[in-house]
PDB file of N, CA and C in Angstrom:
ATOM      1  N   MET A   1       0.498  -0.876   0.197  1.00  0.00           N
ATOM      2  CA  MET A   1      -0.093  -0.068  -0.620  1.00  0.00           C
ATOM      3  C   MET A   1       1.035   1.461  -0.057  1.00  0.00           C
ATOM      4  N   THR A   2       0.297   2.355  -0.760  1.00  0.00           N
ATOM      5  CA  THR A   2       0.948   3.458  -0.958  1.00  0.00           C
ATOM      6  C   THR A   2       0.715   4.439   0.192  1.00  0.00           C
ATOM      7  N   GLY A   3       1.464   5.713   0.372  1.00  0.00           N
ATOM      8  CA  GLY A   3       0.946   6.390   1.008  1.00  0.00           C
ATOM      9  C   GLY A   3      -0.158   7.414   1.142  1.00  0.00           C
ATOM     10  N   ALA A   4      -0.866   6.893  -0.339  1.00  0.00           N
ATOM     11  CA  ALA A   4      -1.146   8.336  -1.295  1.00  0.00           C
ATOM     12  C   ALA A   4      -2.771   7.309  -1.067  1.00  0.00           C
ATOM     13  N   GLU A   5      -2.974   5.805  -0.695  1.00  0.00           N
ATOM     14  CA  GLU A   5      -3.861   5.261  -1.086  1.00  0.00           C
ATOM     15  C   GLU A   5      -3.895   4.952   0.352  1.00  0.00           C
ATOM     16  N   LEU A   6      -3.049   4.770   1.338  1.00  0.00           N
ATOM     17  CA  LEU A   6      -3.247   4.901   2.827  1.00  0.00           C
ATOM     18  C   LEU A   6      -4.658   6.146   3.479  1.00  0.00           C
ATOM     19  N   ALA A   7      -4.227   7.181   2.070  1.00  0.00           N
ATOM     20  CA  ALA A   7      -4.609   8.664   3.238  1.00  0.00           C
ATOM     21  C   ALA A   7      -6.175   8.728   2.176  1.00  0.00           C
ATOM     22  N   HIS A   8      -6.314   8.272   1.011  1.00  0.00           N
ATOM     23  CA  HIS A   8      -7.371   8.483   0.586  1.00  0.00           C
ATOM     24  C   HIS A   8      -8.451   7.459   1.213  1.00  0.00           C
ATOM     25  N   GLN A   9      -7.611   5.950   2.140  1.00  0.00           N
ATOM     26  CA  GLN A   9      -8.729   5.084   2.257  1.00  0.00           C
ATOM     27  C   GLN A   9      -8.998   5.914   3.241  1.00  0.00           C
ATOM     28  N   ILE A  10      -8.546   6.706   4.786  1.00  0.00           N
ATOM     29  CA  ILE A  10      -8.732   7.218   5.433  1.00  0.00           C
ATOM     30  C   ILE A  10      -9.680   8.253   5.579  1.00  0.00           C
ATOM     31  N   SER A  11      -9.063   9.298   4.150  1.00  0.00           N
ATOM     32  CA  SER A  11     -10.336   9.786   4.481  1.00  0.00           C
ATOM     33  C   SER A  11     -11.596  10.358   3.936  1.00  0.00           C
ATOM     34  N   GLN A  12     -11.646   8.744   3.121  1.00  0.00           N
ATOM     35  CA  GLN A  12     -13.091   8.463   2.887  1.00  0.00           C
ATOM     36  C   GLN A  12     -13.810   7.613   3.628  1.00  0.00           C
ATOM     37  N   ARG A  13     -13.072   7.129   5.254  1.00  0.00           N
ATOM     38  CA  ARG A  13     -13.720   6.449   6.418  1.00  0.00           C
ATOM     39  C   ARG A  13     -13.871   7.517   7.384  1.00  0.00           C
ATOM     40  N   TYR A  14     -12.950   8.711   7.525  1.00  0.00           N
ATOM     41  CA  TYR A  14     -13.965   9.842   8.083  1.00  0.00           C
ATOM     42  C   TYR A  14     -14.403  10.995   7.822  1.00  0.00           C
ATOM     43  N   GLY A  15     -14.298  10.666   6.345  1.00  0.00           N
ATOM     44  CA  GLY A  15     -15.298  11.688   5.641  1.00  0.00           C
ATOM     45  C   GLY A  15     -14.447  13.720   5.715  1.00  0.00           C
ATOM     46  N   THR A  16     -13.169  12.937   5.706  1.00  0.00           N
ATOM     47  CA  THR A  16     -12.757  14.999   5.703  1.00  0.00           C
ATOM     48  C   THR A  16     -11.506  14.509   5.673  1.00  0.00           C
ATOM     49  N   THR A  17     -10.484  15.261   5.348  1.00  0.00           N
ATOM     50  CA  THR A  17      -9.398  15.278   4.902  1.00  0.00           C
ATOM     51  C   THR A  17      -8.266  16.527   5.812  1.00  0.00           C
ATOM     52  N   ASP A  18      -9.633  16.356   7.259  1.00  0.00           N
ATOM     53  CA  ASP A  18      -8.424  17.593   8.050  1.00  0.00           C
ATOM     54  C   ASP A  18      -7.902  16.477   9.101  1.00  0.00           C
ATOM     55  N   ALA A  19      -6.948  16.602   9.553  1.00  0.00           N
ATOM     56  CA  ALA A  19      -6.314  15.862  10.434  1.00  0.00           C
ATOM     57  C   ALA A  19      -6.524  16.182  11.280  1.00  0.00           C
ATOM     58  N   THR A  20      -6.802  16.713  12.125  1.00  0.00           N
ATOM     59  CA  THR A  20      -7.291  16.936  13.695  1.00  0.00           C
ATOM     60  C   THR A  20      -8.422  16.890  13.943  1.00  0.00           C
ATOM     61  N   GLU A  21      -9.276  16.721  12.673  1.00  0.00           N
ATOM     62  CA  GLU A  21     -10.469  15.979  12.556  1.00  0.00           C
ATOM     63  C   GLU A  21     -10.017  14.682  12.736  1.00  0.00           C
ATOM     64  N   ILE A  22      -9.211  14.056  12.175  1.00  0.00           N
ATOM     65  CA  ILE A  22      -9.602  12.917  11.948  1.00  0.00           C
ATOM     66  C   ILE A  22      -8.243  11.852  13.147  1.00  0.00           C
ATOM     67  N   ALA A  23      -7.681  12.929  13.440  1.00  0.00           N
ATOM     68  CA  ALA A  23      -7.132  12.199  14.639  1.00  0.00           C
ATOM     69  C   ALA A  23      -8.193  12.597  16.006  1.00  0.00           C
ATOM     70  N   GLN A  24      -9.281  13.225  15.873  1.00  0.00           N
ATOM     71  CA  GLN A  24     -10.640  13.515  16.955  1.00  0.00           C
ATOM     72  C   GLN A  24     -10.900  12.284  16.714  1.00  0.00           C
ATOM     73  N   ARG A  25     -11.214  11.660  15.828  1.00  0.00           N
ATOM     74  CA  ARG A  25     -12.671  10.780  14.951  1.00  0.00           C
ATOM     75  C   ARG A  25     -11.712   9.212  15.726  1.00  0.00           C
ATOM     76  N   ALA A  26     -10.189   9.505  15.448  1.00  0.00           N
ATOM     77  CA  ALA A  26      -9.924   8.120  16.324  1.00  0.00           C
ATOM     78  C   ALA A  26      -9.509   7.908  17.335  1.00  0.00           C
ATOM     79  N   GLY A  27     -10.311   9.268  18.054  1.00  0.00           N
ATOM     80  CA  GLY A  27      -9.513   8.999  19.192  1.00  0.00           C
ATOM     81  C   GLY A  27      -7.715   9.272  19.646  1.00  0.00           C
ATOM     82  N   VAL A  28      -7.328   9.638  19.062  1.00  0.00           N
ATOM     83  CA  VAL A  28      -6.207  10.117  19.412  1.00  0.00           C
ATOM     84  C   VAL A  28      -5.572  10.927  19.737  1.00  0.00           C
ATOM     85  N   VAL A  29      -5.188  11.143  20.954  1.00  0.00           N
ATOM     86  CA  VAL A  29      -4.824  12.607  22.232  1.00  0.00           C
ATOM     87  C   VAL A  29      -3.627  12.911  20.834  1.00  0.00           C
ATOM     88  N   VAL A  30      -3.701  14.744  20.877  1.00  0.00           N
ATOM     89  CA  VAL A  30      -2.630  15.578  19.555  1.00  0.00           C
ATOM     90  C   VAL A  30      -2.450  16.215  21.288  1.00  0.00           C
ATOM     91  N   ARG A  31      -1.315  16.287  21.455  1.00  0.00           N
ATOM     92  CA  ARG A  31      -0.503  17.259  22.443  1.00  0.00           C
ATOM     93  C   ARG A  31       0.712  17.998  21.627  1.00  0.00           C
ATOM     94  N   TYR A  32       0.579  19.428  22.211  1.00  0.00           N
ATOM     95  CA  TYR A  32       1.138  20.709  21.444  1.00  0.00           C
ATOM     96  C   TYR A  32       2.138  21.129  21.688  1.00  0.00           C
ATOM     97  N   GLU A  33       3.910  20.806  21.783  1.00  0.00           N
ATOM     98  CA  GLU A  33       4.588  20.833  23.521  1.00  0.00           C
ATOM     99  C   GLU A  33       5.869  21.524  21.960  1.00  0.00           C
ATOM    100  N   ARG A  34       7.194  22.194  23.182  1.00  0.00           N
ATOM    101  CA  ARG A  34       7.953  22.697  22.714  1.00  0.00           C
ATOM    102  C   ARG A  34       9.470  21.936  23.036  1.00  0.00           C
ATOM    103  N   TRP A  35       9.987  21.492  22.353  1.00  0.00           N
ATOM    104  CA  TRP A  35      11.446  21.109  23.135  1.00  0.00           C
ATOM    105  C   TRP A  35      12.468  21.077  21.566  1.00  0.00           C
ATOM    106  N   HIS A  36      13.528  20.827  22.167  1.00  0.00           N
ATOM    107  CA  HIS A  36      14.881  20.873  20.752  1.00  0.00           C
ATOM    108  C   HIS A  36      14.893  20.179  19.526  1.00  0.00           C
ATOM    109  N   PRO A  37      14.549  20.535  19.236  1.00  0.00           N
ATOM    110  CA  PRO A  37      13.994  20.330  17.550  1.00  0.00           C
ATOM    111  C   PRO A  37      15.230  18.906  16.984  1.00  0.00           C
ATOM    112  N   VAL A  38      15.327  17.525  18.267  1.00  0.00           N
ATOM    113  CA  VAL A  38      15.033  17.093  17.385  1.00  0.00           C
ATOM    114  C   VAL A  38      14.935  15.584  16.739  1.00  0.00           C
ATOM    115  N   THR A  39      13.406  16.358  16.704  1.00  0.00           N
ATOM    116  CA  THR A  39      12.416  15.690  16.346  1.00  0.00           C
ATOM    117  C   THR A  39      10.761  16.235  15.875  1.00  0.00           C
ATOM    118  N   MET A  40      10.406  15.887  14.805  1.00  0.00           N
ATOM    119  CA  MET A  40       9.072  17.447  14.926  1.00  0.00           C
ATOM    120  C   MET A  40       7.996  16.934  15.255  1.00  0.00           C
ATOM    121  N   GLY A  41       7.892  15.174  15.349  1.00  0.00           N
ATOM    122  CA  GLY A  41       6.786  15.170  15.744  1.00  0.00           C
ATOM    123  C   GLY A  41       6.968  13.986  16.530  1.00  0.00           C
ATOM    124  N   GLU A  42       5.812  12.916  17.482  1.00  0.00           N
ATOM    125  CA  GLU A  42       6.031  11.465  17.864  1.00  0.00           C
ATOM    126  C   GLU A  42       4.579  11.049  17.689  1.00  0.00           C
ATOM    127  N   TYR A  43       4.853   9.730  18.070  1.00  0.00           N
ATOM    128  CA  TYR A  43       3.416   8.917  17.887  1.00  0.00           C
ATOM    129  C   TYR A  43       4.109   7.898  18.615  1.00  0.00           C
ATOM    130  N   HIS A  44       3.303   7.714  19.965  1.00  0.00           N
ATOM    131  CA  HIS A  44       3.055   6.913  21.216  1.00  0.00           C
ATOM    132  C   HIS A  44       2.296   5.969  20.450  1.00  0.00           C
ATOM    133  N   LYS A  45       2.590   4.313  20.297  1.00  0.00           N
ATOM    134  CA  LYS A  45       1.901   3.438  20.348  1.00  0.00           C
ATOM    135  C   LYS A  45       1.202   3.220  21.190  1.00  0.00           C
ATOM    136  N   LYS A  46       1.504   2.976  23.050  1.00  0.00           N
ATOM    137  CA  LYS A  46       1.286   2.464  23.781  1.00  0.00           C
ATOM    138  C   LYS A  46      -0.395   3.320  24.469  1.00  0.00           C
ATOM    139  N   ASP A  47      -0.154   4.885  23.932  1.00  0.00           N
ATOM    140  CA  ASP A  47      -1.318   5.872  25.088  1.00  0.00           C
ATOM    141  C   ASP A  47      -1.583   6.022  23.469  1.00  0.00           C
ATOM    142  N   ARG A  48      -1.460   6.158  22.267  1.00  0.00           N
ATOM    143  CA  ARG A  48      -2.461   6.369  21.421  1.00  0.00           C
ATOM    144  C   ARG A  48      -2.465   8.141  21.311  1.00  0.00           C
ATOM    145  N   THR A  49      -0.840   8.015  21.373  1.00  0.00           N
ATOM    146  CA  THR A  49      -0.608   9.548  21.742  1.00  0.00           C
ATOM    147  C   THR A  49       0.519  10.654  20.723  1.00  0.00           C
ATOM    148  N   ILE A  50      -0.169  11.502  20.196  1.00  0.00           N
ATOM    149  CA  ILE A  50       0.977  12.502  18.752  1.00  0.00           C
ATOM    150  C   ILE A  50       1.096  13.536  19.584  1.00  0.00           C
ATOM    151  N   CYS A  51       2.093  13.987  19.418  1.00  0.00           N
ATOM    152  CA  CYS A  51       3.060  15.307  20.374  1.00  0.00           C
ATOM    153  C   CYS A  51       3.465  15.667  19.345  1.00  0.00           C
ATOM    154  N   ILE A  52       3.458  16.899  18.686  1.00  0.00           N
ATOM    155  CA  ILE A  52       3.582  17.875  17.822  1.00  0.00           C
ATOM    156  C   ILE A  52       4.597  18.395  18.338  1.00  0.00           C
ATOM    157  N   ASN A  53       5.879  19.478  18.226  1.00  0.00           N
ATOM    158  CA  ASN A  53       7.120  19.821  18.676  1.00  0.00           C
ATOM    159  C   ASN A  53       6.742  21.233  17.812  1.00  0.00           C
ATOM    160  N   LEU A  54       6.480  22.521  18.158  1.00  0.00           N
ATOM    161  CA  LEU A  54       6.243  23.552  18.148  1.00  0.00           C
ATOM    162  C   LEU A  54       7.421  24.575  17.317  1.00  0.00           C
ATOM    163  N   ALA A  55       8.986  23.698  18.278  1.00  0.00           N
ATOM    164  CA  ALA A  55       9.507  24.633  17.560  1.00  0.00           C
ATOM    165  C   ALA A  55       9.886  23.362  15.923  1.00  0.00           C
ATOM    166  N   ALA A  56       9.490  22.879  15.456  1.00  0.00           N
ATOM    167  CA  ALA A  56       9.659  22.540  14.300  1.00  0.00           C
ATOM    168  C   ALA A  56       9.673  23.207  13.654  1.00  0.00           C
ATOM    169  N   PRO A  57      10.437  23.472  11.992  1.00  0.00           N
ATOM    170  CA  PRO A  57      10.361  23.997  10.867  1.00  0.00           C
ATOM    171  C   PRO A  57       9.210  23.699  10.614  1.00  0.00           C
ATOM    172  N   LEU A  58       8.100  23.271  10.618  1.00  0.00           N
ATOM    173  CA  LEU A  58       6.575  22.842   9.838  1.00  0.00           C
ATOM    174  C   LEU A  58       6.092  23.350  10.494  1.00  0.00           C
ATOM    175  N   GLU A  59       4.434  23.644   9.640  1.00  0.00           N
ATOM    176  CA  GLU A  59       3.635  23.654  10.935  1.00  0.00           C
ATOM    177  C   GLU A  59       2.900  22.547  11.015  1.00  0.00           C
ATOM    178  N   PRO A  60       2.256  22.633  12.244  1.00  0.00           N
ATOM    179  CA  PRO A  60       2.210  21.848  13.035  1.00  0.00           C
ATOM    180  C   PRO A  60       0.928  20.816  12.580  1.00  0.00           C
ATOM    181  N   THR A  61       0.273  21.119  11.107  1.00  0.00           N
ATOM    182  CA  THR A  61      -0.472  20.442  10.790  1.00  0.00           C
ATOM    183  C   THR A  61      -0.281  19.535   9.697  1.00  0.00           C
ATOM    184  N   GLN A  62       1.091  19.492   9.421  1.00  0.00           N
ATOM    185  CA  GLN A  62       1.790  18.659   8.687  1.00  0.00           C
ATOM    186  C   GLN A  62       2.778  17.941   9.255  1.00  0.00           C
ATOM    187  N   VAL A  63       3.048  18.451  10.240  1.00  0.00           N
ATOM    188  CA  VAL A  63       3.587  17.367  11.221  1.00  0.00           C
ATOM    189  C   VAL A  63       3.013  16.532  11.898  1.00  0.00           C
ATOM    190  N   LEU A  64       1.621  16.808  12.317  1.00  0.00           N
ATOM    191  CA  LEU A  64       0.694  16.097  12.700  1.00  0.00           C
ATOM    192  C   LEU A  64       0.164  14.686  11.851  1.00  0.00           C
ATOM    193  N   ALA A  65      -0.174  15.242  10.013  1.00  0.00           N
ATOM    194  CA  ALA A  65      -0.421  14.048   9.337  1.00  0.00           C
ATOM    195  C   ALA A  65       0.168  14.211   9.467  1.00  0.00           C
ATOM    196  N   HIS A  66       1.339  13.329   9.232  1.00  0.00           N
ATOM    197  CA  HIS A  66       2.628  12.550   9.134  1.00  0.00           C
ATOM    198  C   HIS A  66       3.132  11.799  10.377  1.00  0.00           C
ATOM    199  N   GLU A  67       2.217  11.967  11.484  1.00  0.00           N
ATOM    200  CA  GLU A  67       2.445  11.013  12.318  1.00  0.00           C
ATOM    201  C   GLU A  67       0.917  10.583  12.652  1.00  0.00           C
ATOM    202  N   LEU A  68       0.252  11.593  11.989  1.00  0.00           N
ATOM    203  CA  LEU A  68      -1.021  10.185  12.342  1.00  0.00           C
ATOM    204  C   LEU A  68      -1.196   9.712  11.002  1.00  0.00           C
ATOM    205  N   ALA A  69      -0.242   9.187   9.921  1.00  0.00           N
ATOM    206  CA  ALA A  69       0.534   7.608   8.917  1.00  0.00           C
ATOM    207  C   ALA A  69       0.862   7.081  10.243  1.00  0.00           C
ATOM    208  N   HIS A  70       1.745   7.529  10.807  1.00  0.00           N
ATOM    209  CA  HIS A  70       3.069   6.274  11.755  1.00  0.00           C
ATOM    210  C   HIS A  70       1.382   5.711  12.411  1.00  0.00           C
ATOM    211  N   TYR A  71       0.544   6.590  13.384  1.00  0.00           N
ATOM    212  CA  TYR A  71      -0.551   5.731  13.547  1.00  0.00           C
ATOM    213  C   TYR A  71      -1.465   4.647  12.711  1.00  0.00           C
ATOM    214  N   PHE A  72      -1.967   5.699  11.692  1.00  0.00           N
ATOM    215  CA  PHE A  72      -2.972   4.322  11.207  1.00  0.00           C
ATOM    216  C   PHE A  72      -1.975   3.217   9.851  1.00  0.00           C
ATOM    217  N   ILE A  73      -0.160   3.014   9.919  1.00  0.00           N
ATOM    218  CA  ILE A  73       0.362   2.292   9.523  1.00  0.00           C
ATOM    219  C   ILE A  73       0.371   1.021  10.602  1.00  0.00           C
ATOM    220  N   HIS A  74       0.630   1.149  11.858  1.00  0.00           N
ATOM    221  CA  HIS A  74       0.733   0.488  13.117  1.00  0.00           C
ATOM    222  C   HIS A  74      -0.664  -0.034  13.521  1.00  0.00           C
ATOM    223  N   GLU A  75      -1.806   0.718  12.792  1.00  0.00           N
ATOM    224  CA  GLU A  75      -3.026   0.380  12.956  1.00  0.00           C
ATOM    225  C   GLU A  75      -3.417  -0.813  12.225  1.00  0.00           C
ATOM    226  N   ALA A  76      -2.731  -0.958  10.759  1.00  0.00           N
ATOM    227  CA  ALA A  76      -3.256  -1.454   9.664  1.00  0.00           C
ATOM    228  C   ALA A  76      -1.945  -2.632   9.542  1.00  0.00           C
ATOM    229  N   GLY A  77      -1.257  -2.705  10.608  1.00  0.00           N
ATOM    230  CA  GLY A  77      -0.173  -3.632  11.258  1.00  0.00           C
ATOM    231  C   GLY A  77       0.753  -3.817   9.707  1.00  0.00           C
ATOM    232  N   ILE A  78       1.112  -2.613   9.507  1.00  0.00           N
ATOM    233  CA  ILE A  78       2.251  -2.846   8.600  1.00  0.00           C
ATOM    234  C   ILE A  78       3.205  -2.641   8.667  1.00  0.00           C
ATOM    235  N   LEU A  79       4.084  -3.445   8.601  1.00  0.00           N
ATOM    236  CA  LEU A  79       5.912  -3.275   9.327  1.00  0.00           C
ATOM    237  C   LEU A  79       6.826  -3.252   8.485  1.00  0.00           C
ATOM    238  N   LEU A  80       7.308  -2.415   8.535  1.00  0.00           N
ATOM    239  CA  LEU A  80       8.654  -1.945   7.331  1.00  0.00           C
ATOM    240  C   LEU A  80       9.578  -1.217   8.655  1.00  0.00           C
ATOM    241  N   PRO A  81      10.838  -1.340   7.388  1.00  0.00           N
ATOM    242  CA  PRO A  81      12.370  -0.611   7.713  1.00  0.00           C
ATOM    243  C   PRO A  81      11.664   0.630   7.782  1.00  0.00           C
ATOM    244  N   ARG A  82      12.388   1.222   9.327  1.00  0.00           N
ATOM    245  CA  ARG A  82      11.973   3.190  10.042  1.00  0.00           C
ATOM    246  C   ARG A  82      11.796   3.655   8.078  1.00  0.00           C
ATOM    247  N   GLN A  83      12.927   3.328   7.670  1.00  0.00           N
ATOM    248  CA  GLN A  83      13.521   4.663   6.561  1.00  0.00           C
ATOM    249  C   GLN A  83      12.276   4.748   5.830  1.00  0.00           C
ATOM    250  N   GLU A  84      11.886   3.406   5.232  1.00  0.00           N
ATOM    251  CA  GLU A  84      10.689   3.008   4.310  1.00  0.00           C
ATOM    252  C   GLU A  84       9.183   3.491   4.910  1.00  0.00           C
ATOM    253  N   GLU A  85       9.257   3.233   6.095  1.00  0.00           N
ATOM    254  CA  GLU A  85       7.765   3.843   7.181  1.00  0.00           C
ATOM    255  C   GLU A  85       7.679   5.598   6.542  1.00  0.00           C
ATOM    256  N   GLU A  86       8.620   6.104   7.120  1.00  0.00           N
ATOM    257  CA  GLU A  86       8.874   7.300   7.144  1.00  0.00           C
ATOM    258  C   GLU A  86       8.600   7.935   5.467  1.00  0.00           C
ATOM    259  N   LYS A  87       8.569   7.191   4.515  1.00  0.00           N
ATOM    260  CA  LYS A  87       8.821   8.014   3.134  1.00  0.00           C
ATOM    261  C   LYS A  87       7.247   7.623   2.790  1.00  0.00           C
ATOM    262  N   LEU A  88       6.315   5.959   3.431  1.00  0.00           N
ATOM    263  CA  LEU A  88       5.140   6.121   3.462  1.00  0.00           C
ATOM    264  C   LEU A  88       4.635   7.441   4.575  1.00  0.00           C
ATOM    265  N   ALA A  89       5.226   7.385   5.660  1.00  0.00           N
ATOM    266  CA  ALA A  89       3.949   8.335   6.177  1.00  0.00           C
ATOM    267  C   ALA A  89       4.234   9.759   5.165  1.00  0.00           C
ATOM    268  N   ASP A  90       5.079  10.839   4.595  1.00  0.00           N
ATOM    269  CA  ASP A  90       5.588  11.785   4.093  1.00  0.00           C
ATOM    270  C   ASP A  90       4.368  11.683   3.054  1.00  0.00           C
ATOM    271  N   SER A  91       4.517  10.934   2.041  1.00  0.00           N
ATOM    272  CA  SER A  91       3.770  10.635   1.527  1.00  0.00           C
ATOM    273  C   SER A  91       2.297  10.491   1.176  1.00  0.00           C
ATOM    274  N   PHE A  92       1.997   9.908   2.518  1.00  0.00           N
ATOM    275  CA  PHE A  92       0.239  10.012   3.056  1.00  0.00           C
ATOM    276  C   PHE A  92       0.027  10.954   3.565  1.00  0.00           C
ATOM    277  N   ALA A  93       1.102  12.007   4.303  1.00  0.00           N
ATOM    278  CA  ALA A  93       1.128  13.917   4.750  1.00  0.00           C
ATOM    279  C   ALA A  93       0.539  14.193   3.226  1.00  0.00           C
ATOM    280  N   ARG A  94       1.415  14.167   2.197  1.00  0.00           N
ATOM    281  CA  ARG A  94       1.449  15.210   1.072  1.00  0.00           C
ATOM    282  C   ARG A  94       0.145  15.046   0.750  1.00  0.00           C
ATOM    283  N   THR A  95      -0.460  13.962   0.807  1.00  0.00           N
ATOM    284  CA  THR A  95      -1.645  13.229  -0.119  1.00  0.00           C
ATOM    285  C   THR A  95      -2.970  13.741   0.768  1.00  0.00           C
ATOM    286  N   LEU A  96      -2.751  13.536   1.686  1.00  0.00           N
ATOM    287  CA  LEU A  96      -3.508  14.164   2.717  1.00  0.00           C
ATOM    288  C   LEU A  96      -4.478  15.672   2.892  1.00  0.00           C
ATOM    289  N   LEU A  97      -3.508  16.426   2.922  1.00  0.00           N
ATOM    290  CA  LEU A  97      -3.150  17.580   3.026  1.00  0.00           C
ATOM    291  C   LEU A  97      -3.556  18.608   1.312  1.00  0.00           C
ATOM    292  N   ALA A  98      -3.375  17.916   1.066  1.00  0.00           N
ATOM    293  CA  ALA A  98      -4.019  18.018  -0.787  1.00  0.00           C
ATOM    294  C   ALA A  98      -4.341  18.318  -0.827  1.00  0.00           C
ATOM    295  N   GLY A  99      -5.277  16.921   0.096  1.00  0.00           N
ATOM    296  CA  GLY A  99      -7.555  17.418  -0.281  1.00  0.00           C
ATOM    297  C   GLY A  99      -7.404  16.353  -1.026  1.00  0.00           C
TER     298      GLY A  99
END
């Protein structure tokens, strides 16, 4: 499955391409924090939480869409090497944000 395919599937399931709305409907908690920009955002599988780094050089919505991809990748049981998962998450986010 490609990132674009996953994004289309998720936007159809939730009836929107709004990342914040999708997170709410999926029951994913989103926290906005500020930390040294080692990472732009993080998805915590254990407690279904996404943390968005407000110090990141990207818009929070872009980071949220990328991290949501990690959530849906894990929920679907898709196992990929880290680099491939990041590429899929980037593609998902681009497609979702393009509407």
